[in-house]
Amino acid sequence: MAATNINRVVLTGNLTRDPELRSTPSGTAVCGLRVACNTRRKDASGQWVDKPNYFDVTVWGAQGENCAQYLSKGRPVAIDGRLEWREWEAKDGSGKRQSVDIIADSVQFLGSREGGEDNGSRFTPQSDVPADTADFQPAAAGGAASDDDIPF
């Protein structure tokens, strides 16, 4: 059986700057994002600290236009894409340069805008904890299930 190549990247993080929208000569939209993702690790004293990692993300077409229109610095996003290695000659003639970028297949906007369009880059985190628990009834105490109640 032949081995298959897998080139997948899935990450969540926050934008470190506003999206940068450009167009190719043929008119295709290209949006550049910079995403910060924290990794936790122990420092020399044994304390847990966050270490930020920064990634350049390219979003093509209509999805890139949407990113430029609706995203701003600080907004949390989820990226699904692939890695792409590129190489070029430095403009100052000092040699070759190279980088590994993420080409996004999909970008999910996380969080929500606070107060509508007027607040620009201000967002509030969303919680999956219900605000009002009055609709939930506590489980009855002492009602142990028998083996006949288990469906498997």
N, C-alpha and C. Protein backbone atom coordinates (compact mmCIF):
# COMPACT_ATOMS: atom_id res chain seq x y z
N MET A 1 0.85 -1.18 0.00
CA MET A 1 0.00 0.00 0.00
C MET A 1 0.89 1.24 0.00
N ALA A 2 0.60 2.16 -0.87
CA ALA A 2 1.39 3.39 -0.97
C ALA A 2 1.02 4.35 0.15
N ALA A 3 2.01 5.01 0.67
CA ALA A 3 1.78 6.01 1.71
C ALA A 3 1.20 7.27 1.08
N THR A 4 0.30 7.90 1.80
CA THR A 4 -0.26 9.16 1.32
C THR A 4 0.33 10.31 2.12
N ASN A 5 0.43 11.43 1.47
CA ASN A 5 0.93 12.62 2.13
C ASN A 5 -0.24 13.37 2.76
N ILE A 6 -0.03 13.86 3.96
CA ILE A 6 -1.05 14.65 4.64
C ILE A 6 -0.43 15.99 5.01
N ASN A 7 -1.09 17.05 4.60
CA ASN A 7 -0.64 18.40 4.89
C ASN A 7 -1.85 19.16 5.42
N ARG A 8 -2.12 19.09 6.71
CA ARG A 8 -3.29 19.71 7.34
C ARG A 8 -2.85 20.52 8.53
N VAL A 9 -3.46 21.67 8.70
CA VAL A 9 -3.22 22.53 9.85
C VAL A 9 -4.57 22.96 10.39
N VAL A 10 -4.76 22.80 11.69
CA VAL A 10 -5.95 23.29 12.36
C VAL A 10 -5.47 24.07 13.58
N LEU A 11 -5.87 25.33 13.68
CA LEU A 11 -5.44 26.11 14.83
C LEU A 11 -6.49 27.15 15.19
N THR A 12 -6.48 27.53 16.45
CA THR A 12 -7.31 28.65 16.90
C THR A 12 -6.38 29.65 17.56
N GLY A 13 -6.72 30.92 17.43
CA GLY A 13 -5.91 31.97 18.03
C GLY A 13 -6.58 33.31 17.80
N ASN A 14 -5.81 34.35 18.08
CA ASN A 14 -6.32 35.71 17.93
C ASN A 14 -5.50 36.46 16.89
N LEU A 15 -6.17 37.34 16.14
CA LEU A 15 -5.47 38.16 15.16
C LEU A 15 -4.59 39.18 15.87
N THR A 16 -3.35 39.30 15.41
CA THR A 16 -2.42 40.26 16.02
C THR A 16 -2.47 41.62 15.34
N ARG A 17 -3.14 41.69 14.20
CA ARG A 17 -3.30 42.96 13.47
C ARG A 17 -4.54 42.85 12.59
N ASP A 18 -4.97 43.98 12.05
CA ASP A 18 -6.11 43.97 11.14
C ASP A 18 -5.74 43.22 9.86
N PRO A 19 -6.70 42.55 9.23
CA PRO A 19 -6.44 41.85 7.97
C PRO A 19 -5.95 42.82 6.88
N GLU A 20 -5.11 42.31 5.99
CA GLU A 20 -4.59 43.11 4.87
C GLU A 20 -5.10 42.50 3.57
N LEU A 21 -5.97 43.24 2.88
CA LEU A 21 -6.58 42.75 1.65
C LEU A 21 -5.86 43.33 0.44
N ARG A 22 -5.48 42.44 -0.50
CA ARG A 22 -4.87 42.83 -1.77
C ARG A 22 -5.60 42.09 -2.88
N SER A 23 -5.22 42.37 -4.09
CA SER A 23 -5.77 41.65 -5.24
C SER A 23 -4.64 41.26 -6.18
N THR A 24 -4.80 40.12 -6.84
CA THR A 24 -3.85 39.72 -7.87
C THR A 24 -4.13 40.57 -9.12
N PRO A 25 -3.21 40.60 -10.10
CA PRO A 25 -3.49 41.35 -11.34
C PRO A 25 -4.77 40.91 -12.04
N SER A 26 -5.17 39.65 -11.84
CA SER A 26 -6.40 39.17 -12.48
C SER A 26 -7.65 39.51 -11.66
N GLY A 27 -7.47 40.13 -10.48
CA GLY A 27 -8.61 40.55 -9.68
C GLY A 27 -9.00 39.63 -8.54
N THR A 28 -8.27 38.55 -8.31
CA THR A 28 -8.59 37.63 -7.21
C THR A 28 -8.17 38.25 -5.89
N ALA A 29 -9.06 38.23 -4.91
CA ALA A 29 -8.77 38.78 -3.58
C ALA A 29 -7.82 37.86 -2.82
N VAL A 30 -6.87 38.47 -2.11
CA VAL A 30 -5.92 37.75 -1.26
C VAL A 30 -5.86 38.50 0.06
N CYS A 31 -6.20 37.82 1.15
CA CYS A 31 -6.20 38.46 2.47
C CYS A 31 -5.10 37.84 3.33
N GLY A 32 -4.29 38.68 3.94
CA GLY A 32 -3.25 38.22 4.84
C GLY A 32 -3.66 38.43 6.30
N LEU A 33 -3.54 37.35 7.09
CA LEU A 33 -3.83 37.40 8.52
C LEU A 33 -2.59 37.03 9.29
N ARG A 34 -2.46 37.54 10.49
CA ARG A 34 -1.40 37.13 11.41
C ARG A 34 -2.10 36.64 12.67
N VAL A 35 -1.90 35.36 13.02
CA VAL A 35 -2.61 34.74 14.13
C VAL A 35 -1.62 34.34 15.22
N ALA A 36 -1.96 34.66 16.47
CA ALA A 36 -1.16 34.26 17.62
C ALA A 36 -1.87 33.12 18.34
N CYS A 37 -1.11 32.05 18.62
CA CYS A 37 -1.62 30.90 19.37
C CYS A 37 -0.69 30.66 20.56
N ASN A 38 -1.25 30.54 21.73
CA ASN A 38 -0.42 30.31 22.91
C ASN A 38 -0.21 28.82 23.14
N THR A 39 1.00 28.49 23.56
CA THR A 39 1.36 27.15 24.00
C THR A 39 1.79 27.27 25.45
N ARG A 40 1.31 26.35 26.28
CA ARG A 40 1.70 26.38 27.70
C ARG A 40 2.89 25.46 27.91
N ARG A 41 3.84 25.94 28.72
CA ARG A 41 5.00 25.12 29.08
C ARG A 41 5.51 25.57 30.43
N LYS A 42 6.33 24.75 31.03
CA LYS A 42 6.91 25.10 32.32
C LYS A 42 8.22 25.85 32.09
N ASP A 43 8.42 26.91 32.87
CA ASP A 43 9.68 27.64 32.78
C ASP A 43 10.70 27.00 33.72
N ALA A 44 11.86 27.65 33.89
CA ALA A 44 12.95 27.10 34.70
C ALA A 44 12.55 26.91 36.16
N SER A 45 11.61 27.73 36.64
CA SER A 45 11.18 27.62 38.04
C SER A 45 10.05 26.61 38.23
N GLY A 46 9.58 25.99 37.14
CA GLY A 46 8.52 25.01 37.23
C GLY A 46 7.12 25.59 37.12
N GLN A 47 7.01 26.89 36.88
CA GLN A 47 5.72 27.54 36.74
C GLN A 47 5.24 27.43 35.29
N TRP A 48 3.93 27.28 35.11
CA TRP A 48 3.37 27.24 33.77
C TRP A 48 3.30 28.65 33.21
N VAL A 49 3.79 28.82 31.98
CA VAL A 49 3.75 30.12 31.30
C VAL A 49 3.23 29.92 29.88
N ASP A 50 2.64 30.97 29.34
CA ASP A 50 2.18 30.94 27.96
C ASP A 50 3.30 31.40 27.05
N LYS A 51 3.55 30.65 25.98
CA LYS A 51 4.52 31.04 24.96
C LYS A 51 3.75 31.27 23.68
N PRO A 52 3.74 32.51 23.17
CA PRO A 52 2.99 32.76 21.94
C PRO A 52 3.73 32.25 20.70
N ASN A 53 2.98 31.74 19.75
CA ASN A 53 3.47 31.37 18.43
C ASN A 53 2.70 32.20 17.43
N TYR A 54 3.38 32.73 16.42
CA TYR A 54 2.76 33.61 15.44
C TYR A 54 2.80 32.95 14.07
N PHE A 55 1.66 32.99 13.37
CA PHE A 55 1.53 32.34 12.08
C PHE A 55 0.97 33.31 11.05
N ASP A 56 1.55 33.30 9.85
CA ASP A 56 1.01 34.06 8.73
C ASP A 56 0.02 33.16 8.00
N VAL A 57 -1.17 33.70 7.73
CA VAL A 57 -2.23 32.94 7.08
C VAL A 57 -2.68 33.70 5.84
N THR A 58 -2.84 32.98 4.72
CA THR A 58 -3.33 33.57 3.48
C THR A 58 -4.71 32.99 3.20
N VAL A 59 -5.67 33.89 2.91
CA VAL A 59 -7.04 33.49 2.62
C VAL A 59 -7.39 34.04 1.23
N TRP A 60 -7.80 33.17 0.32
CA TRP A 60 -8.06 33.55 -1.07
C TRP A 60 -9.54 33.78 -1.33
N GLY A 61 -9.83 34.60 -2.34
CA GLY A 61 -11.18 34.75 -2.90
C GLY A 61 -12.17 35.47 -2.00
N ALA A 62 -13.43 35.06 -2.14
CA ALA A 62 -14.53 35.71 -1.40
C ALA A 62 -14.36 35.54 0.10
N GLN A 63 -13.82 34.40 0.52
CA GLN A 63 -13.59 34.21 1.95
C GLN A 63 -12.57 35.21 2.48
N GLY A 64 -11.56 35.54 1.68
CA GLY A 64 -10.59 36.55 2.06
C GLY A 64 -11.23 37.93 2.17
N GLU A 65 -12.14 38.24 1.24
CA GLU A 65 -12.86 39.51 1.30
C GLU A 65 -13.70 39.60 2.57
N ASN A 66 -14.36 38.48 2.94
CA ASN A 66 -15.14 38.46 4.18
C ASN A 66 -14.27 38.67 5.41
N CYS A 67 -13.10 38.04 5.41
CA CYS A 67 -12.17 38.22 6.54
C CYS A 67 -11.79 39.69 6.67
N ALA A 68 -11.46 40.33 5.54
CA ALA A 68 -11.05 41.74 5.58
C ALA A 68 -12.20 42.64 6.04
N GLN A 69 -13.42 42.28 5.68
CA GLN A 69 -14.57 43.12 6.04
C GLN A 69 -14.99 42.95 7.49
N TYR A 70 -14.98 41.72 8.01
CA TYR A 70 -15.58 41.45 9.31
C TYR A 70 -14.60 41.20 10.46
N LEU A 71 -13.33 40.98 10.16
CA LEU A 71 -12.36 40.71 11.22
C LEU A 71 -11.54 41.94 11.54
N SER A 72 -11.00 41.98 12.73
CA SER A 72 -10.09 43.05 13.13
C SER A 72 -9.16 42.52 14.22
N LYS A 73 -8.14 43.29 14.52
CA LYS A 73 -7.13 42.92 15.51
C LYS A 73 -7.79 42.47 16.81
N GLY A 74 -7.31 41.34 17.35
CA GLY A 74 -7.81 40.81 18.60
C GLY A 74 -8.91 39.78 18.46
N ARG A 75 -9.51 39.67 17.29
CA ARG A 75 -10.64 38.76 17.09
C ARG A 75 -10.15 37.31 17.10
N PRO A 76 -10.84 36.43 17.84
CA PRO A 76 -10.47 35.01 17.81
C PRO A 76 -10.99 34.35 16.54
N VAL A 77 -10.17 33.47 15.96
CA VAL A 77 -10.53 32.75 14.74
C VAL A 77 -10.07 31.30 14.85
N ALA A 78 -10.71 30.45 14.05
CA ALA A 78 -10.28 29.07 13.87
C ALA A 78 -9.92 28.91 12.40
N ILE A 79 -8.76 28.36 12.15
CA ILE A 79 -8.23 28.20 10.79
C ILE A 79 -8.09 26.71 10.48
N ASP A 80 -8.54 26.32 9.30
CA ASP A 80 -8.31 24.98 8.79
C ASP A 80 -7.64 25.16 7.44
N GLY A 81 -6.46 24.58 7.26
CA GLY A 81 -5.75 24.79 6.00
C GLY A 81 -4.58 23.85 5.84
N ARG A 82 -3.59 24.34 5.08
CA ARG A 82 -2.41 23.53 4.78
C ARG A 82 -1.17 24.42 4.84
N LEU A 83 -0.02 23.79 5.03
CA LEU A 83 1.26 24.50 5.04
C LEU A 83 1.78 24.64 3.62
N GLU A 84 2.39 25.78 3.34
CA GLU A 84 3.02 25.99 2.04
C GLU A 84 4.38 26.65 2.26
N TRP A 85 5.41 26.01 1.73
CA TRP A 85 6.75 26.54 1.81
C TRP A 85 7.01 27.39 0.59
N ARG A 86 7.65 28.55 0.79
CA ARG A 86 7.98 29.39 -0.35
C ARG A 86 9.39 29.96 -0.18
N GLU A 87 9.98 30.29 -1.31
CA GLU A 87 11.35 30.80 -1.33
C GLU A 87 11.42 31.93 -2.34
N TRP A 88 12.20 32.97 -2.03
CA TRP A 88 12.36 34.11 -2.92
C TRP A 88 13.71 34.75 -2.68
N GLU A 89 14.11 35.56 -3.64
CA GLU A 89 15.37 36.30 -3.55
C GLU A 89 15.10 37.62 -2.84
N ALA A 90 15.92 37.96 -1.86
CA ALA A 90 15.75 39.21 -1.13
C ALA A 90 15.94 40.40 -2.06
N LYS A 91 15.14 41.43 -1.86
CA LYS A 91 15.20 42.61 -2.72
C LYS A 91 16.54 43.33 -2.62
N ASP A 92 17.19 43.23 -1.45
CA ASP A 92 18.48 43.90 -1.28
C ASP A 92 19.66 43.08 -1.79
N GLY A 93 19.35 41.91 -2.39
CA GLY A 93 20.39 41.06 -2.97
C GLY A 93 21.19 40.27 -1.95
N SER A 94 20.73 40.21 -0.72
CA SER A 94 21.48 39.53 0.34
C SER A 94 21.29 38.02 0.36
N GLY A 95 20.57 37.48 -0.60
CA GLY A 95 20.41 36.03 -0.66
C GLY A 95 18.96 35.60 -0.67
N LYS A 96 18.80 34.28 -0.58
CA LYS A 96 17.46 33.72 -0.62
C LYS A 96 16.80 33.81 0.75
N ARG A 97 15.50 34.00 0.72
CA ARG A 97 14.66 34.00 1.91
C ARG A 97 13.65 32.88 1.76
N GLN A 98 13.14 32.39 2.89
CA GLN A 98 12.13 31.36 2.84
C GLN A 98 11.21 31.47 4.04
N SER A 99 10.01 30.95 3.87
CA SER A 99 9.05 30.94 4.97
C SER A 99 8.06 29.82 4.75
N VAL A 100 7.39 29.45 5.82
CA VAL A 100 6.30 28.49 5.77
C VAL A 100 5.04 29.24 6.18
N ASP A 101 4.07 29.28 5.30
CA ASP A 101 2.81 29.98 5.55
C ASP A 101 1.68 28.98 5.63
N ILE A 102 0.56 29.43 6.17
CA ILE A 102 -0.65 28.62 6.20
C ILE A 102 -1.60 29.16 5.13
N ILE A 103 -2.04 28.29 4.24
CA ILE A 103 -3.05 28.64 3.24
C ILE A 103 -4.38 28.12 3.79
N ALA A 104 -5.29 29.05 4.09
CA ALA A 104 -6.55 28.67 4.74
C ALA A 104 -7.54 28.10 3.73
N ASP A 105 -8.12 26.96 4.08
CA ASP A 105 -9.25 26.42 3.33
C ASP A 105 -10.55 26.97 3.92
N SER A 106 -10.55 27.18 5.24
CA SER A 106 -11.71 27.80 5.88
C SER A 106 -11.27 28.60 7.09
N VAL A 107 -11.99 29.69 7.34
CA VAL A 107 -11.75 30.54 8.50
C VAL A 107 -13.09 30.70 9.21
N GLN A 108 -13.12 30.33 10.47
CA GLN A 108 -14.33 30.52 11.27
C GLN A 108 -14.10 31.70 12.20
N PHE A 109 -15.07 32.61 12.23
CA PHE A 109 -15.01 33.76 13.12
C PHE A 109 -15.54 33.30 14.48
N LEU A 110 -14.73 33.42 15.52
CA LEU A 110 -15.14 33.01 16.85
C LEU A 110 -15.51 34.24 17.67
N GLY A 111 -16.25 34.05 18.74
CA GLY A 111 -16.68 35.19 19.56
C GLY A 111 -17.74 35.97 18.81
N SER A 112 -18.15 37.09 19.38
CA SER A 112 -19.14 37.93 18.73
C SER A 112 -18.81 39.39 18.98
N ARG A 113 -19.32 40.23 18.12
CA ARG A 113 -19.09 41.66 18.29
C ARG A 113 -19.92 42.17 19.45
N GLU A 114 -19.34 43.08 20.21
CA GLU A 114 -20.04 43.69 21.33
C GLU A 114 -20.67 45.00 20.87
N GLY A 115 -21.98 45.10 20.92
CA GLY A 115 -22.65 46.35 20.62
C GLY A 115 -22.75 46.71 19.16
N GLY A 116 -22.54 45.79 18.24
CA GLY A 116 -22.73 46.08 16.82
C GLY A 116 -21.49 46.62 16.15
N GLU A 117 -21.70 47.26 15.00
CA GLU A 117 -20.61 47.70 14.13
C GLU A 117 -19.80 48.87 14.69
N ASP A 118 -20.38 49.66 15.60
CA ASP A 118 -19.71 50.87 16.05
C ASP A 118 -18.47 50.61 16.89
N ASN A 119 -18.35 49.43 17.50
CA ASN A 119 -17.24 49.20 18.41
C ASN A 119 -16.03 48.57 17.75
N GLY A 120 -16.06 48.37 16.46
CA GLY A 120 -14.87 47.92 15.74
C GLY A 120 -14.30 46.63 16.25
N SER A 121 -13.20 46.71 17.01
CA SER A 121 -12.47 45.50 17.38
C SER A 121 -12.80 45.00 18.78
N ARG A 122 -13.86 45.46 19.41
CA ARG A 122 -14.20 45.00 20.75
C ARG A 122 -15.12 43.79 20.66
N PHE A 123 -14.72 42.69 21.30
CA PHE A 123 -15.47 41.45 21.26
C PHE A 123 -15.60 40.89 22.66
N THR A 124 -16.65 40.14 22.90
CA THR A 124 -16.84 39.48 24.18
C THR A 124 -16.78 37.98 23.97
N PRO A 125 -16.10 37.27 24.88
CA PRO A 125 -16.06 35.82 24.74
C PRO A 125 -17.44 35.22 25.01
N GLN A 126 -17.75 34.14 24.30
CA GLN A 126 -19.01 33.46 24.49
C GLN A 126 -18.81 32.27 25.42
N SER A 127 -19.81 32.00 26.25
CA SER A 127 -19.74 30.88 27.18
C SER A 127 -20.81 29.86 26.83
N ASP A 128 -20.52 28.58 27.05
CA ASP A 128 -21.54 27.57 26.83
C ASP A 128 -22.31 27.27 28.11
N VAL A 129 -22.07 28.03 29.17
CA VAL A 129 -22.80 27.88 30.42
C VAL A 129 -24.09 28.68 30.32
N PRO A 130 -25.26 28.06 30.57
CA PRO A 130 -26.50 28.81 30.45
C PRO A 130 -26.57 29.94 31.47
N ALA A 131 -27.13 31.07 31.06
CA ALA A 131 -27.25 32.22 31.95
C ALA A 131 -28.35 32.00 32.97
N ASP A 132 -29.40 31.27 32.61
CA ASP A 132 -30.53 31.03 33.50
C ASP A 132 -30.72 29.53 33.61
N THR A 133 -30.51 28.98 34.81
CA THR A 133 -30.63 27.54 35.00
C THR A 133 -32.00 27.14 35.54
N ALA A 134 -32.96 28.06 35.56
CA ALA A 134 -34.30 27.75 36.08
C ALA A 134 -34.99 26.67 35.26
N ASP A 135 -34.65 26.52 34.01
CA ASP A 135 -35.28 25.50 33.16
C ASP A 135 -34.75 24.09 33.42
N PHE A 136 -33.70 23.98 34.20
CA PHE A 136 -33.09 22.68 34.45
C PHE A 136 -33.52 22.17 35.82
N GLN A 137 -33.96 20.91 35.87
CA GLN A 137 -34.38 20.30 37.12
C GLN A 137 -33.23 19.45 37.65
N PRO A 138 -32.96 19.53 38.95
CA PRO A 138 -31.91 18.67 39.50
C PRO A 138 -32.34 17.21 39.44
N ALA A 139 -31.38 16.32 39.33
CA ALA A 139 -31.66 14.89 39.30
C ALA A 139 -32.18 14.45 40.65
N ALA A 140 -33.11 13.51 40.62
CA ALA A 140 -33.66 12.99 41.87
C ALA A 140 -32.60 12.22 42.62
N ALA A 141 -32.54 12.44 43.92
CA ALA A 141 -31.55 11.75 44.76
C ALA A 141 -32.02 10.34 45.06
N GLY A 142 -31.08 9.41 45.16
CA GLY A 142 -31.39 8.04 45.57
C GLY A 142 -32.00 7.18 44.48
N GLY A 143 -32.16 7.66 43.28
CA GLY A 143 -32.77 6.88 42.20
C GLY A 143 -31.72 6.13 41.43
N ALA A 144 -31.15 5.10 42.00
CA ALA A 144 -30.09 4.34 41.32
C ALA A 144 -30.68 3.54 40.16
N ALA A 145 -29.98 3.47 39.07
CA ALA A 145 -30.43 2.74 37.89
C ALA A 145 -30.07 1.27 38.06
N SER A 146 -30.96 0.41 37.61
CA SER A 146 -30.67 -1.03 37.63
C SER A 146 -30.09 -1.42 36.27
N ASP A 147 -29.58 -2.64 36.19
CA ASP A 147 -29.02 -3.13 34.93
C ASP A 147 -30.07 -3.18 33.83
N ASP A 148 -31.36 -3.31 34.20
CA ASP A 148 -32.43 -3.37 33.20
C ASP A 148 -32.67 -2.00 32.56
N ASP A 149 -32.23 -0.93 33.21
CA ASP A 149 -32.44 0.44 32.68
C ASP A 149 -31.38 0.81 31.65
N ILE A 150 -30.29 0.10 31.60
CA ILE A 150 -29.19 0.44 30.69
C ILE A 150 -29.47 -0.18 29.33
N PRO A 151 -29.49 0.61 28.25
CA PRO A 151 -29.91 0.10 26.94
C PRO A 151 -28.89 -0.77 26.21
N PHE A 152 -27.76 -1.03 26.75
CA PHE A 152 -26.77 -1.85 26.03
C PHE A 152 -26.27 -3.00 26.87
